[in-house]
C-alpha atoms as a PDB file:
ATOM      1  CA  MET A   1      39.062  37.628  15.654  1.00  0.00           C
ATOM      2  CA  LYS A   2      40.037  35.190  12.980  1.00  0.00           C
ATOM      3  CA  PRO A   3      39.828  31.985  15.106  1.00  0.00           C
ATOM      4  CA  ILE A   4      35.764  33.065  16.128  1.00  0.00           C
ATOM      5  CA  SER A   5      35.114  33.846  12.651  1.00  0.00           C
ATOM      6  CA  HIS A   6      36.205  30.348  11.259  1.00  0.00           C
ATOM      7  CA  PHE A   7      34.039  28.688  14.163  1.00  0.00           C
ATOM      8  CA  PHE A   8      30.894  30.615  13.065  1.00  0.00           C
ATOM      9  CA  VAL A   9      31.320  30.274   8.800  1.00  0.00           C
ATOM     10  CA  LEU A  10      31.516  26.709   9.985  1.00  0.00           C
ATOM     11  CA  LEU A  11      28.447  26.338  12.468  1.00  0.00           C
ATOM     12  CA  ALA A  12      26.338  28.336   9.541  1.00  0.00           C
ATOM     13  CA  LEU A  13      27.190  25.305   7.394  1.00  0.00           C
ATOM     14  CA  GLY A  14      26.865  22.978   9.213  1.00  0.00           C
ATOM     15  CA  ALA A  15      22.913  24.645  10.206  1.00  0.00           C
ATOM     16  CA  ALA A  16      22.749  24.503   6.263  1.00  0.00           C
ATOM     17  CA  ALA A  17      23.312  21.018   5.649  1.00  0.00           C
ATOM     18  CA  VAL A  18      20.870  20.590   8.608  1.00  0.00           C
ATOM     19  CA  THR A  19      18.020  22.090   6.366  1.00  0.00           C
ATOM     20  CA  ALA A  20      18.862  20.720   3.393  1.00  0.00           C
ATOM     21  CA  ASN A  21      18.932  17.445   5.325  1.00  0.00           C
ATOM     22  CA  ALA A  22      15.211  18.092   6.285  1.00  0.00           C
ATOM     23  CA  ASN A  23      13.947  19.406   3.260  1.00  0.00           C
ATOM     24  CA  SER A  24      15.521  16.513   0.837  1.00  0.00           C
ATOM     25  CA  PRO A  25      13.132  14.157  -0.908  1.00  0.00           C
ATOM     26  CA  GLN A  26      14.455  11.148   0.993  1.00  0.00           C
ATOM     27  CA  ALA A  27      13.476  13.036   4.411  1.00  0.00           C
ATOM     28  CA  ALA A  28       9.796  14.170   3.384  1.00  0.00           C
ATOM     29  CA  VAL A  29       8.618  10.388   2.600  1.00  0.00           C
ATOM     30  CA  ALA A  30       8.957   8.727   5.559  1.00  0.00           C
ATOM     31  CA  LYS A  31       9.446   4.423   5.406  1.00  0.00           C
ATOM     32  CA  PRO A  32       5.840   3.414   5.019  1.00  0.00           C
ATOM     33  CA  ASP A  33       4.095   1.750   8.782  1.00  0.00           C
ATOM     34  CA  ALA A  34       3.452  -2.535   7.295  1.00  0.00           C
ATOM     35  CA  ALA A  35       1.508  -2.116  11.334  1.00  0.00           C
ATOM     36  CA  LYS A  36      -0.720   0.842  10.308  1.00  0.00           C
ATOM     37  CA  GLY A  37      -1.123   0.243   6.704  1.00  0.00           C
ATOM     38  CA  GLU A  38      -2.713  -2.815   7.259  1.00  0.00           C
ATOM     39  CA  ALA A  39      -4.828  -1.305  10.074  1.00  0.00           C
ATOM     40  CA  SER A  40      -5.991   0.975   8.188  1.00  0.00           C
ATOM     41  CA  PHE A  41      -6.924  -1.358   5.574  1.00  0.00           C
ATOM     42  CA  GLY A  42      -8.671  -4.109   7.440  1.00  0.00           C
ATOM     43  CA  ALA A  43     -10.820  -0.557   8.617  1.00  0.00           C
ATOM     44  CA  VAL A  44     -11.480   0.569   4.890  1.00  0.00           C
ATOM     45  CA  CYS A  45     -10.688  -1.890   2.232  1.00  0.00           C
ATOM     46  CA  ALA A  46     -11.463  -4.958   3.230  1.00  0.00           C
ATOM     47  CA  ALA A  47     -14.662  -4.985   3.081  1.00  0.00           C
ATOM     48  CA  CYS A  48     -14.522  -4.996  -0.852  1.00  0.00           C
ATOM     49  CA  HIS A  49     -11.058  -5.494  -1.494  1.00  0.00           C
ATOM     50  CA  GLY A  50     -10.481  -8.707   0.482  1.00  0.00           C
ATOM     51  CA  ALA A  51      -8.708  -8.762   4.278  1.00  0.00           C
ATOM     52  CA  ASP A  52      -5.614  -9.747   2.339  1.00  0.00           C
ATOM     53  CA  GLY A  53      -6.340  -7.823  -0.855  1.00  0.00           C
ATOM     54  CA  ASN A  54      -8.082 -10.642  -3.239  1.00  0.00           C
ATOM     55  CA  SER A  55     -11.014  -9.341  -4.022  1.00  0.00           C
ATOM     56  CA  GLY A  56     -13.588 -11.698  -3.923  1.00  0.00           C
ATOM     57  CA  SER A  57     -16.324 -10.278  -5.269  1.00  0.00           C
ATOM     58  CA  PRO A  58     -15.310  -9.245  -9.828  1.00  0.00           C
ATOM     59  CA  ALA A  59     -16.941  -6.478  -9.322  1.00  0.00           C
ATOM     60  CA  TYR A  60     -13.657  -5.134  -7.069  1.00  0.00           C
ATOM     61  CA  PRO A  61     -10.230  -5.669  -8.069  1.00  0.00           C
ATOM     62  CA  LYS A  62      -8.055  -7.290  -6.257  1.00  0.00           C
ATOM     63  CA  LEU A  63      -4.532  -5.082  -4.693  1.00  0.00           C
ATOM     64  CA  ALA A  64      -2.397  -7.806  -3.472  1.00  0.00           C
ATOM     65  CA  GLN A  65       0.809  -7.214  -5.259  1.00  0.00           C
ATOM     66  CA  GLN A  66      -0.137  -4.707  -7.466  1.00  0.00           C
ATOM     67  CA  HIS A  67       3.028  -2.060  -7.441  1.00  0.00           C
ATOM     68  CA  PRO A  68       2.455   1.007  -4.702  1.00  0.00           C
ATOM     69  CA  GLU A  69       3.688   3.583  -6.107  1.00  0.00           C
ATOM     70  CA  TYR A  70       0.683   2.734  -8.698  1.00  0.00           C
ATOM     71  CA  LEU A  71      -2.496   2.106  -5.682  1.00  0.00           C
ATOM     72  CA  VAL A  72      -0.600   5.448  -4.289  1.00  0.00           C
ATOM     73  CA  LYS A  73      -1.413   7.379  -7.415  1.00  0.00           C
ATOM     74  CA  GLN A  74      -4.942   6.233  -8.243  1.00  0.00           C
ATOM     75  CA  LEU A  75      -5.748   7.059  -4.415  1.00  0.00           C
ATOM     76  CA  GLN A  76      -4.702  10.089  -5.296  1.00  0.00           C
ATOM     77  CA  GLU A  77      -6.521  10.528  -8.331  1.00  0.00           C
ATOM     78  CA  PHE A  78      -9.845   9.241  -6.650  1.00  0.00           C
ATOM     79  CA  LYS A  79      -9.344  11.823  -4.406  1.00  0.00           C
ATOM     80  CA  SER A  80      -8.422  14.346  -6.629  1.00  0.00           C
ATOM     81  CA  GLY A  81     -11.541  13.744  -8.701  1.00  0.00           C
ATOM     82  CA  LYS A  82      -8.848  12.662 -11.166  1.00  0.00           C
ATOM     83  CA  ARG A  83     -10.556   9.505 -11.406  1.00  0.00           C
ATOM     84  CA  ASP A  84     -14.212   9.437 -10.728  1.00  0.00           C
ATOM     85  CA  ASN A  85     -15.798   7.519  -8.624  1.00  0.00           C
ATOM     86  CA  ALA A  86     -18.189   8.398  -6.030  1.00  0.00           C
ATOM     87  CA  ILE A  87     -17.584   5.606  -3.750  1.00  0.00           C
ATOM     88  CA  MET A  88     -13.479   4.887  -3.940  1.00  0.00           C
ATOM     89  CA  LYS A  89     -13.541   8.949  -3.360  1.00  0.00           C
ATOM     90  CA  GLY A  90     -15.147   9.259  -0.732  1.00  0.00           C
ATOM     91  CA  PHE A  91     -13.067   6.993   1.292  1.00  0.00           C
ATOM     92  CA  ALA A  92     -10.188   8.309  -0.182  1.00  0.00           C
ATOM     93  CA  SER A  93     -10.674  11.399   1.031  1.00  0.00           C
ATOM     94  CA  ALA A  94     -10.465  10.310   4.124  1.00  0.00           C
ATOM     95  CA  LEU A  95      -6.724   9.348   3.930  1.00  0.00           C
ATOM     96  CA  SER A  96      -3.753  11.359   4.385  1.00  0.00           C
ATOM     97  CA  GLU A  97      -0.969  10.295   1.832  1.00  0.00           C
ATOM     98  CA  GLU A  98       1.197   8.960   4.880  1.00  0.00           C
ATOM     99  CA  ASP A  99      -2.407   6.326   5.118  1.00  0.00           C
ATOM    100  CA  MET A 100      -2.058   5.740   1.479  1.00  0.00           C
ATOM    101  CA  ARG A 101       1.913   4.586   1.654  1.00  0.00           C
ATOM    102  CA  ASN A 102       1.041   3.029   4.316  1.00  0.00           C
ATOM    103  CA  ILE A 103      -1.957   1.237   2.668  1.00  0.00           C
ATOM    104  CA  ALA A 104      -0.365   0.513  -0.656  1.00  0.00           C
ATOM    105  CA  TYR A 105       2.814  -1.093   0.376  1.00  0.00           C
ATOM    106  CA  TRP A 106       0.989  -3.296   2.744  1.00  0.00           C
ATOM    107  CA  VAL A 107      -1.088  -4.788   0.298  1.00  0.00           C
ATOM    108  CA  SER A 108       1.471  -5.149  -2.451  1.00  0.00           C
ATOM    109  CA  SER A 109       3.647  -7.344  -0.080  1.00  0.00           C
ATOM    110  CA  LYS A 110       0.643  -9.933   0.052  1.00  0.00           C
ATOM    111  CA  THR A 111       0.549 -12.819  -2.528  1.00  0.00           C
ATOM    112  CA  ALA A 112      -2.616 -12.250  -5.613  1.00  0.00           C
ATOM    113  CA  LYS A 113      -4.329 -15.664  -6.406  1.00  0.00           C
ATOM    114  CA  PRO A 114      -4.555 -17.004  -9.470  1.00  0.00           C
ATOM    115  CA  GLY A 115      -7.730 -15.985 -11.086  1.00  0.00           C
ATOM    116  CA  PHE A 116      -8.875 -17.775 -14.289  1.00  0.00           C
ATOM    117  CA  ALA A 117     -10.750 -17.115 -18.005  1.00  0.00           C
ATOM    118  CA  LYS A 118     -14.771 -17.033 -17.953  1.00  0.00           C
ATOM    119  CA  ASN A 119     -15.220 -17.245 -21.117  1.00  0.00           C
ATOM    120  CA  LYS A 120     -12.122 -19.866 -23.088  1.00  0.00           C
ATOM    121  CA  ASP A 121     -13.402 -19.312 -26.180  1.00  0.00           C
ATOM    122  CA  LEU A 122     -13.071 -15.889 -26.446  1.00  0.00           C
ATOM    123  CA  VAL A 123      -9.093 -16.961 -24.652  1.00  0.00           C
ATOM    124  CA  SER A 124      -7.311 -16.911 -28.281  1.00  0.00           C
ATOM    125  CA  LEU A 125      -8.413 -13.564 -29.160  1.00  0.00           C
ATOM    126  CA  GLY A 126      -7.678 -12.109 -25.855  1.00  0.00           C
ATOM    127  CA  GLU A 127      -4.107 -13.606 -26.370  1.00  0.00           C
ATOM    128  CA  LYS A 128      -3.462 -12.634 -29.256  1.00  0.00           C
ATOM    129  CA  ILE A 129      -4.578  -8.934 -29.152  1.00  0.00           C
ATOM    130  CA  TYR A 130      -2.538  -9.139 -25.459  1.00  0.00           C
ATOM    131  CA  ARG A 131       0.476 -10.649 -27.368  1.00  0.00           C
ATOM    132  CA  GLY A 132       0.608  -9.372 -30.741  1.00  0.00           C
ATOM    133  CA  GLY A 133      -2.010  -6.130 -31.194  1.00  0.00           C
ATOM    134  CA  ILE A 134      -4.039  -5.451 -34.494  1.00  0.00           C
ATOM    135  CA  ALA A 135      -1.376  -3.978 -36.884  1.00  0.00           C
ATOM    136  CA  ASP A 136      -4.112  -2.561 -39.055  1.00  0.00           C
ATOM    137  CA  ARG A 137      -6.044  -0.557 -37.257  1.00  0.00           C
ATOM    138  CA  GLN A 138      -2.958   0.601 -35.048  1.00  0.00           C
ATOM    139  CA  ILE A 139      -3.903  -0.780 -31.483  1.00  0.00           C
ATOM    140  CA  ALA A 140      -0.440  -1.618 -29.651  1.00  0.00           C
ATOM    141  CA  ALA A 141       0.246  -5.227 -27.632  1.00  0.00           C
ATOM    142  CA  CYS A 142      -0.988  -4.663 -24.391  1.00  0.00           C
ATOM    143  CA  SER A 143       2.638  -6.706 -23.209  1.00  0.00           C
ATOM    144  CA  GLY A 144       4.147  -3.877 -24.429  1.00  0.00           C
ATOM    145  CA  CYS A 145       3.435  -2.157 -21.159  1.00  0.00           C
ATOM    146  CA  HIS A 146       1.837  -4.778 -18.779  1.00  0.00           C
ATOM    147  CA  GLY A 147       4.520  -7.358 -19.722  1.00  0.00           C
ATOM    148  CA  PRO A 148       4.927 -10.617 -20.916  1.00  0.00           C
ATOM    149  CA  SER A 149       2.985 -12.571 -18.258  1.00  0.00           C
ATOM    150  CA  GLY A 150       1.021  -9.713 -16.836  1.00  0.00           C
ATOM    151  CA  ALA A 151       3.272  -8.802 -14.102  1.00  0.00           C
ATOM    152  CA  GLY A 152       3.153  -4.385 -15.287  1.00  0.00           C
ATOM    153  CA  ILE A 153       6.117  -2.426 -15.006  1.00  0.00           C
ATOM    154  CA  PRO A 154       6.575  -0.069 -11.308  1.00  0.00           C
ATOM    155  CA  ALA A 155       5.323   3.148 -10.926  1.00  0.00           C
ATOM    156  CA  GLN A 156       4.338   2.967 -14.376  1.00  0.00           C
ATOM    157  CA  TYR A 157       2.029   0.174 -15.916  1.00  0.00           C
ATOM    158  CA  PRO A 158       0.048  -2.144 -13.499  1.00  0.00           C
ATOM    159  CA  ARG A 159       0.170  -5.322 -12.724  1.00  0.00           C
ATOM    160  CA  LEU A 160      -2.883  -6.943 -15.029  1.00  0.00           C
ATOM    161  CA  GLN A 161      -2.012 -10.406 -14.030  1.00  0.00           C
ATOM    162  CA  GLY A 162      -5.096 -12.568 -12.061  1.00  0.00           C
ATOM    163  CA  GLN A 163      -7.420  -9.216 -11.952  1.00  0.00           C
ATOM    164  CA  HIS A 164     -10.794 -10.606 -12.144  1.00  0.00           C
ATOM    165  CA  ALA A 165     -11.805 -10.582 -15.804  1.00  0.00           C
ATOM    166  CA  ASP A 166     -15.379  -8.951 -15.191  1.00  0.00           C
ATOM    167  CA  TYR A 167     -13.407  -5.446 -12.920  1.00  0.00           C
ATOM    168  CA  ALA A 168     -10.947  -5.610 -16.450  1.00  0.00           C
ATOM    169  CA  ALA A 169     -13.409  -5.846 -18.947  1.00  0.00           C
ATOM    170  CA  ALA A 170     -15.480  -3.030 -17.106  1.00  0.00           C
ATOM    171  CA  GLN A 171     -12.016  -0.516 -16.815  1.00  0.00           C
ATOM    172  CA  LEU A 172     -11.381  -0.898 -20.561  1.00  0.00           C
ATOM    173  CA  THR A 173     -15.241   0.092 -21.312  1.00  0.00           C
ATOM    174  CA  ALA A 174     -14.566   2.865 -19.212  1.00  0.00           C
ATOM    175  CA  PHE A 175     -11.923   3.561 -20.797  1.00  0.00           C
ATOM    176  CA  ARG A 176     -13.163   3.708 -24.311  1.00  0.00           C
ATOM    177  CA  GLY A 177     -16.527   5.530 -23.481  1.00  0.00           C
ATOM    178  CA  GLY A 178     -14.191   8.498 -21.386  1.00  0.00           C
ATOM    179  CA  VAL A 179     -15.734   7.423 -17.742  1.00  0.00           C
ATOM    180  CA  ARG A 180     -12.537   6.509 -16.611  1.00  0.00           C
ATOM    181  CA  ASN A 181      -9.783   9.270 -18.478  1.00  0.00           C
ATOM    182  CA  ASN A 182      -7.285   9.872 -16.082  1.00  0.00           C
ATOM    183  CA  SER A 183      -4.600   7.172 -18.467  1.00  0.00           C
ATOM    184  CA  VAL A 184      -4.133   9.030 -22.037  1.00  0.00           C
ATOM    185  CA  GLN A 185      -2.759   5.608 -23.537  1.00  0.00           C
ATOM    186  CA  MET A 186      -5.557   3.029 -22.636  1.00  0.00           C
ATOM    187  CA  THR A 187      -7.937   5.849 -23.370  1.00  0.00           C
ATOM    188  CA  GLN A 188      -5.815   5.628 -26.277  1.00  0.00           C
ATOM    189  CA  VAL A 189      -6.098   2.139 -26.895  1.00  0.00           C
ATOM    190  CA  ALA A 190      -9.898   1.094 -25.298  1.00  0.00           C
ATOM    191  CA  ALA A 191     -10.892   3.846 -27.934  1.00  0.00           C
ATOM    192  CA  LYS A 192     -10.256   1.191 -30.801  1.00  0.00           C
ATOM    193  CA  LEU A 193     -11.554  -2.002 -28.886  1.00  0.00           C
ATOM    194  CA  ASN A 194     -14.945  -3.257 -29.275  1.00  0.00           C
ATOM    195  CA  ASP A 195     -17.165  -5.155 -26.768  1.00  0.00           C
ATOM    196  CA  ARG A 196     -15.957  -8.482 -28.136  1.00  0.00           C
ATOM    197  CA  GLU A 197     -11.933  -7.938 -28.124  1.00  0.00           C
ATOM    198  CA  ILE A 198     -12.566  -6.314 -24.520  1.00  0.00           C
ATOM    199  CA  GLN A 199     -14.278  -9.209 -22.963  1.00  0.00           C
ATOM    200  CA  ALA A 200     -11.409 -11.461 -24.845  1.00  0.00           C
ATOM    201  CA  LEU A 201      -8.833  -9.761 -23.174  1.00  0.00           C
ATOM    202  CA  ALA A 202      -9.972  -9.337 -19.667  1.00  0.00           C
ATOM    203  CA  ASP A 203     -10.741 -13.145 -19.973  1.00  0.00           C
ATOM    204  CA  TYR A 204      -7.505 -13.681 -21.013  1.00  0.00           C
ATOM    205  CA  VAL A 205      -5.354 -11.726 -18.862  1.00  0.00           C
ATOM    206  CA  ALA A 206      -7.607 -13.236 -15.611  1.00  0.00           C
ATOM    207  CA  GLY A 207      -5.874 -17.017 -16.770  1.00  0.00           C
ATOM    208  CA  LEU A 208      -2.070 -15.433 -16.429  1.00  0.00           C
ATOM    209  CA  ARG A 209      -0.275 -17.216 -14.592  1.00  0.00           C
END
C-alpha cells in the first residue's frame, strides 16, 4: 500500500504546482501581441494620435515612445472615469485589458519625433522651473520625476520630451483646476503655477531633446 500512497502524494503535489503556476501573475498576464496592437491602434487611435503615435495635432498628445505601463494606466483610468475625458472614455470603454496592453506596447516601440518650443521668450523661465523648481513657493523641479531630458521613469512618470506644448499646457491647467485629478503629485505642483509659468514649462519640454 505504501507505494500507492506515495504515488497519490506525488500526484497531488504535481496538481498543486500546476494550479499555482496557472494562478501566478506571470501566467495571468499574456505577452503583448504587437500585430494586434498595431491593428487596434490603426482602427481606434491613429485618427487623433497619428499612424505611428506622432500626433500631427498639438491638441492631441504624442504617444510614440511613451512608457507602456503609463499608457495602460491612463487607458484604465479613462475607462473607469478616474480620468475624466468623454472622448477617451468612449474609446477606452471598448477596449479589454489585453487590447490596452497590446496597443500600449506597440506604440511605445515607435520613435517619437522631436518637438519645438512655440514661445522662445519663455524657454529660459521654463528651463529654470523644470530643472530647479521655485524654492520660495515650494515648487519641486520637474526633472526630479521626469528626468533631466524629459525621458520620465518607466511605470511611474511619463515621458515629456518633445510633447506638444499646447497639450502639455492644457494638462497642467487641467491639473491646476481639478479637471484632471488622477495624480496627487501633479495636482499639488500645478496648483502653485500661474499661466505664464505653465506656458513656459510647456514650451520648454516641447523642445527637450
